[in-house]
Protein backbone atom coordinates (compact mmCIF):
# COMPACT_ATOMS: atom_id res chain seq x y z
CA MET A 1 0.02 0.15 -0.07
CA GLY A 2 1.44 3.59 -0.88
CA GLN A 3 2.33 5.68 1.93
CA VAL A 4 0.95 9.07 3.10
CA ARG A 5 3.46 11.38 4.17
CA VAL A 6 2.38 14.69 6.08
CA PHE A 7 5.02 17.17 6.43
CA ASP A 8 4.82 19.10 9.72
CA HIS A 9 7.96 21.47 9.27
CA PRO A 10 7.23 24.83 11.16
CA LEU A 11 7.49 26.89 7.69
CA ILE A 12 5.05 24.64 5.90
CA GLN A 13 2.49 24.79 8.36
CA HIS A 14 3.03 28.69 9.18
CA LYS A 15 2.32 29.19 5.11
CA LEU A 16 -0.51 26.68 4.73
CA THR A 17 -2.37 28.66 7.61
CA ILE A 18 -1.82 32.00 5.84
CA LEU A 19 -3.01 30.05 2.43
CA ARG A 20 -6.39 28.77 4.07
CA ASP A 21 -7.05 32.36 5.35
CA ARG A 22 -10.08 33.92 3.37
CA ARG A 23 -8.63 37.34 3.51
CA THR A 24 -5.49 36.18 1.64
CA GLY A 25 -5.61 37.66 -1.77
CA HIS A 26 -4.93 36.16 -5.18
CA LYS A 27 -1.26 37.71 -5.44
CA GLU A 28 -0.06 36.55 -1.87
CA PHE A 29 -1.94 33.23 -2.40
CA ARG A 30 -0.09 32.31 -5.83
CA GLU A 31 2.99 33.40 -4.03
CA LEU A 32 2.55 31.16 -1.10
CA VAL A 33 1.69 28.10 -3.44
CA GLU A 34 4.85 28.47 -5.18
CA GLU A 35 6.79 28.56 -1.86
CA LEU A 36 4.92 25.75 -0.39
CA ALA A 37 5.78 23.78 -3.43
CA MET A 38 9.24 24.28 -3.09
CA LEU A 39 9.46 23.64 0.49
CA MET A 40 7.41 20.45 -0.04
CA ALA A 41 9.62 19.15 -2.89
CA PHE A 42 12.72 19.65 -0.90
CA GLU A 43 11.49 17.22 1.81
CA ALA A 44 9.84 14.75 -1.03
CA THR A 45 13.12 14.57 -2.75
CA SER A 46 15.17 13.96 0.54
CA GLY A 47 15.39 10.18 -0.23
CA LEU A 48 16.85 10.52 -3.79
CA PRO A 49 19.85 8.33 -4.24
CA VAL A 50 23.22 10.03 -4.71
CA ARG A 51 26.76 9.18 -5.89
CA SER A 52 30.12 10.09 -5.00
CA ILE A 53 32.13 12.67 -7.77
CA ASP A 54 35.18 14.58 -7.89
CA VAL A 55 34.95 18.14 -8.81
CA ALA A 56 37.62 20.59 -9.32
CA THR A 57 37.21 24.07 -7.26
CA PRO A 58 39.25 26.68 -8.17
CA LEU A 59 41.96 25.54 -5.56
CA ALA A 60 41.73 21.70 -5.21
CA THR A 61 39.62 18.82 -6.16
CA ALA A 62 36.81 18.01 -3.72
CA LYS A 63 34.68 15.27 -2.88
CA GLY A 64 30.89 16.02 -4.17
CA ALA A 65 27.80 14.20 -4.66
CA THR A 66 25.06 14.16 -7.62
CA ILE A 67 21.74 12.52 -7.97
CA ALA A 68 21.78 9.00 -9.31
CA GLY A 69 19.08 6.83 -10.54
CA GLN A 70 16.13 7.94 -12.56
CA GLU A 71 15.85 11.55 -13.19
CA ILE A 72 12.70 13.60 -12.27
CA ALA A 73 9.56 14.68 -14.26
CA VAL A 74 6.97 17.24 -12.65
CA VAL A 75 3.38 16.72 -13.93
CA PRO A 76 1.17 19.48 -12.68
CA ILE A 77 -2.73 18.72 -13.05
CA LEU A 78 -4.11 22.01 -15.04
CA ARG A 79 -5.04 24.63 -14.11
CA ALA A 80 -4.24 24.94 -10.48
CA GLY A 81 -1.12 22.70 -10.54
CA LEU A 82 0.83 25.21 -12.54
CA ALA A 83 1.61 27.26 -9.33
CA MET A 84 3.19 24.19 -7.69
CA GLU A 85 5.15 23.73 -11.12
CA THR A 86 6.71 27.03 -11.12
CA GLY A 87 8.10 26.46 -7.10
CA ILE A 88 9.26 23.13 -7.87
CA LEU A 89 11.21 24.13 -11.19
CA ARG A 90 13.18 26.92 -8.81
CA LEU A 91 14.44 23.90 -6.81
CA MET A 92 15.03 21.38 -9.75
CA PRO A 93 15.25 23.69 -13.03
CA THR A 94 16.40 20.75 -15.00
CA ALA A 95 13.35 18.47 -14.55
CA ARG A 96 11.30 17.81 -17.71
CA VAL A 97 7.59 18.82 -17.29
CA GLY A 98 4.52 17.39 -18.47
CA HIS A 99 1.07 18.60 -18.30
CA VAL A 100 -2.54 16.83 -17.86
CA GLY A 101 -5.83 18.77 -18.10
CA ILE A 102 -8.60 17.29 -16.34
CA TYR A 103 -12.06 19.10 -15.20
CA ARG A 104 -14.26 17.80 -12.58
CA ASP A 105 -18.06 17.61 -13.92
CA PRO A 106 -19.97 19.42 -10.94
CA SER A 107 -22.94 17.56 -11.38
CA THR A 108 -21.34 14.10 -11.16
CA LEU A 109 -17.97 15.12 -9.56
CA GLU A 110 -16.37 12.63 -11.96
CA PRO A 111 -12.92 13.83 -14.06
CA HIS A 112 -12.59 14.30 -17.84
CA THR A 113 -9.47 14.73 -19.35
CA TYR A 114 -9.02 17.26 -22.24
CA TYR A 115 -5.15 17.50 -22.54
CA CYS A 116 -2.02 15.07 -21.97
CA LYS A 117 1.54 15.91 -22.86
CA LEU A 118 4.22 14.26 -21.40
CA PRO A 119 8.12 13.89 -21.95
CA PRO A 120 8.66 11.15 -24.21
CA ASP A 121 11.05 9.31 -21.90
CA ILE A 122 8.19 9.33 -18.99
CA GLY A 123 8.93 5.66 -18.32
CA GLU A 124 12.46 6.28 -17.53
CA ARG A 125 11.80 9.12 -14.85
CA GLN A 126 10.34 9.39 -11.31
CA VAL A 127 7.33 11.27 -11.75
CA LEU A 128 5.96 13.87 -9.40
CA VAL A 129 2.20 14.73 -10.08
CA VAL A 130 1.46 18.06 -8.19
CA ASP A 131 -2.00 19.49 -7.49
CA PRO A 132 -2.99 21.87 -4.44
CA MET A 133 -5.88 19.55 -3.35
CA LEU A 134 -6.70 15.61 -3.36
CA ALA A 135 -10.32 15.90 -2.77
CA THR A 136 -12.80 13.34 -4.32
CA GLY A 137 -9.50 11.53 -5.85
CA GLY A 138 -10.77 11.34 -9.39
CA SER A 139 -8.32 13.80 -11.05
CA ALA A 140 -5.33 12.09 -9.20
CA VAL A 141 -6.66 8.71 -10.23
CA GLU A 142 -7.22 9.71 -14.04
CA SER A 143 -3.93 11.32 -14.08
CA VAL A 144 -1.96 8.26 -12.81
CA ASP A 145 -4.08 6.04 -15.23
CA LEU A 146 -2.77 8.14 -18.06
CA LEU A 147 0.94 8.01 -16.90
CA LYS A 148 0.80 4.24 -16.35
CA GLU A 149 -0.68 3.83 -19.92
CA ARG A 150 2.31 5.71 -21.35
CA GLY A 151 4.96 3.87 -19.39
CA ALA A 152 5.32 5.58 -16.17
CA ARG A 153 6.47 3.38 -13.26
CA THR A 154 7.59 5.27 -10.59
CA ILE A 155 4.85 7.98 -9.54
CA ARG A 156 4.34 10.11 -6.70
CA LEU A 157 1.36 12.46 -5.92
CA MET A 158 1.96 15.87 -3.88
CA VAL A 159 -0.81 17.97 -2.70
CA LEU A 160 -0.99 20.85 -0.42
CA ILE A 161 -4.23 19.48 1.43
CA ALA A 162 -5.90 16.17 1.21
CA ALA A 163 -9.22 14.61 2.23
CA PRO A 164 -9.65 11.05 3.59
CA GLU A 165 -11.90 10.15 0.68
CA GLY A 166 -9.42 11.25 -1.83
CA ILE A 167 -6.69 9.25 -0.26
CA ARG A 168 -8.80 5.98 0.05
CA ARG A 169 -9.85 6.30 -3.82
CA LEU A 170 -6.45 6.78 -5.26
CA HIS A 171 -4.89 3.94 -3.12
CA ALA A 172 -8.02 1.79 -3.95
CA GLU A 173 -6.86 2.24 -7.53
CA HIS A 174 -3.14 2.63 -7.40
CA PRO A 175 -1.78 1.14 -4.27
CA ASP A 176 1.85 1.84 -5.47
CA VAL A 177 1.43 5.61 -5.42
CA ASP A 178 2.90 7.58 -2.39
CA ILE A 179 1.00 10.84 -1.42
CA TYR A 180 2.94 13.78 0.13
CA THR A 181 0.70 16.36 2.01
CA ALA A 182 0.89 19.05 4.12
CA ALA A 183 -2.57 18.58 5.68
CA VAL A 184 -4.97 15.67 5.88
CA ASP A 185 -8.23 17.79 6.41
CA GLU A 186 -11.69 16.26 8.11
CA ARG A 187 -13.85 15.38 5.15
CA LEU A 188 -15.63 16.42 1.89
CA ASP A 189 -18.71 18.51 1.73
CA ASP A 190 -21.89 17.42 -0.60
CA HIS A 191 -20.10 19.80 -3.37
CA GLY A 192 -17.02 17.75 -3.23
CA TYR A 193 -15.01 20.36 -1.45
CA ILE A 194 -12.37 19.73 1.17
CA LEU A 195 -13.56 20.69 4.75
CA PRO A 196 -12.03 22.91 6.22
CA GLY A 197 -10.10 23.39 3.26
CA LEU A 198 -9.21 26.56 1.61
CA GLY A 199 -11.88 26.91 -1.21
CA ASP A 200 -11.45 26.67 -4.63
CA ALA A 201 -7.69 26.82 -5.32
CA GLY A 202 -7.82 27.59 -8.93
CA ASP A 203 -10.24 30.46 -8.69
CA ARG A 204 -8.07 32.00 -5.69
CA LEU A 205 -4.78 31.58 -7.57
CA TYR A 206 -6.12 33.62 -10.60
CA GLY A 207 -8.89 35.87 -9.06
CA THR A 208 -11.45 34.22 -11.24
CA ARG A 209 -14.30 34.45 -8.67
């Protein structure tokens, strides 16, 4: 069964609290999402394997380390995942990037894919799927389905806030996918929003409501 790791770092929790506040405007909200994504990616990649190398400094040769094994691909779920992509690429600027476009039917709450563009070597990379919210789990399951159909083998999901219902659904469909999050909230409401959550992440990011 995939693992769920909840980050309790003080900086992550501090920024998440400001993000939840309904008084936080879209400019600050977007900046906070980028910062949180970078902090969480720092934590989520702490177990990457490394190998020793020699590097020539201006004065002598030093022992160093470089990441070994599979390279990284970042795959945000459109549209809200784009802000997380920006933060992660500040930390890992050479990572390849794919995009998955999914919208949720407001009446059935089921996902519908309208776009998918991935690096051609996605099967050789560790894939980090990013989206601010794991609510019903439909978009996450659909994204992992698409990735596996195209050859991805090592997939992780990173979200700011998760609902228990979404965690259960993702692990029921894809028990091999680990989840990284800053919080697991109480539950979903009747409209599929996370409670207490932070509202609609896309609307708050881009000021569309």
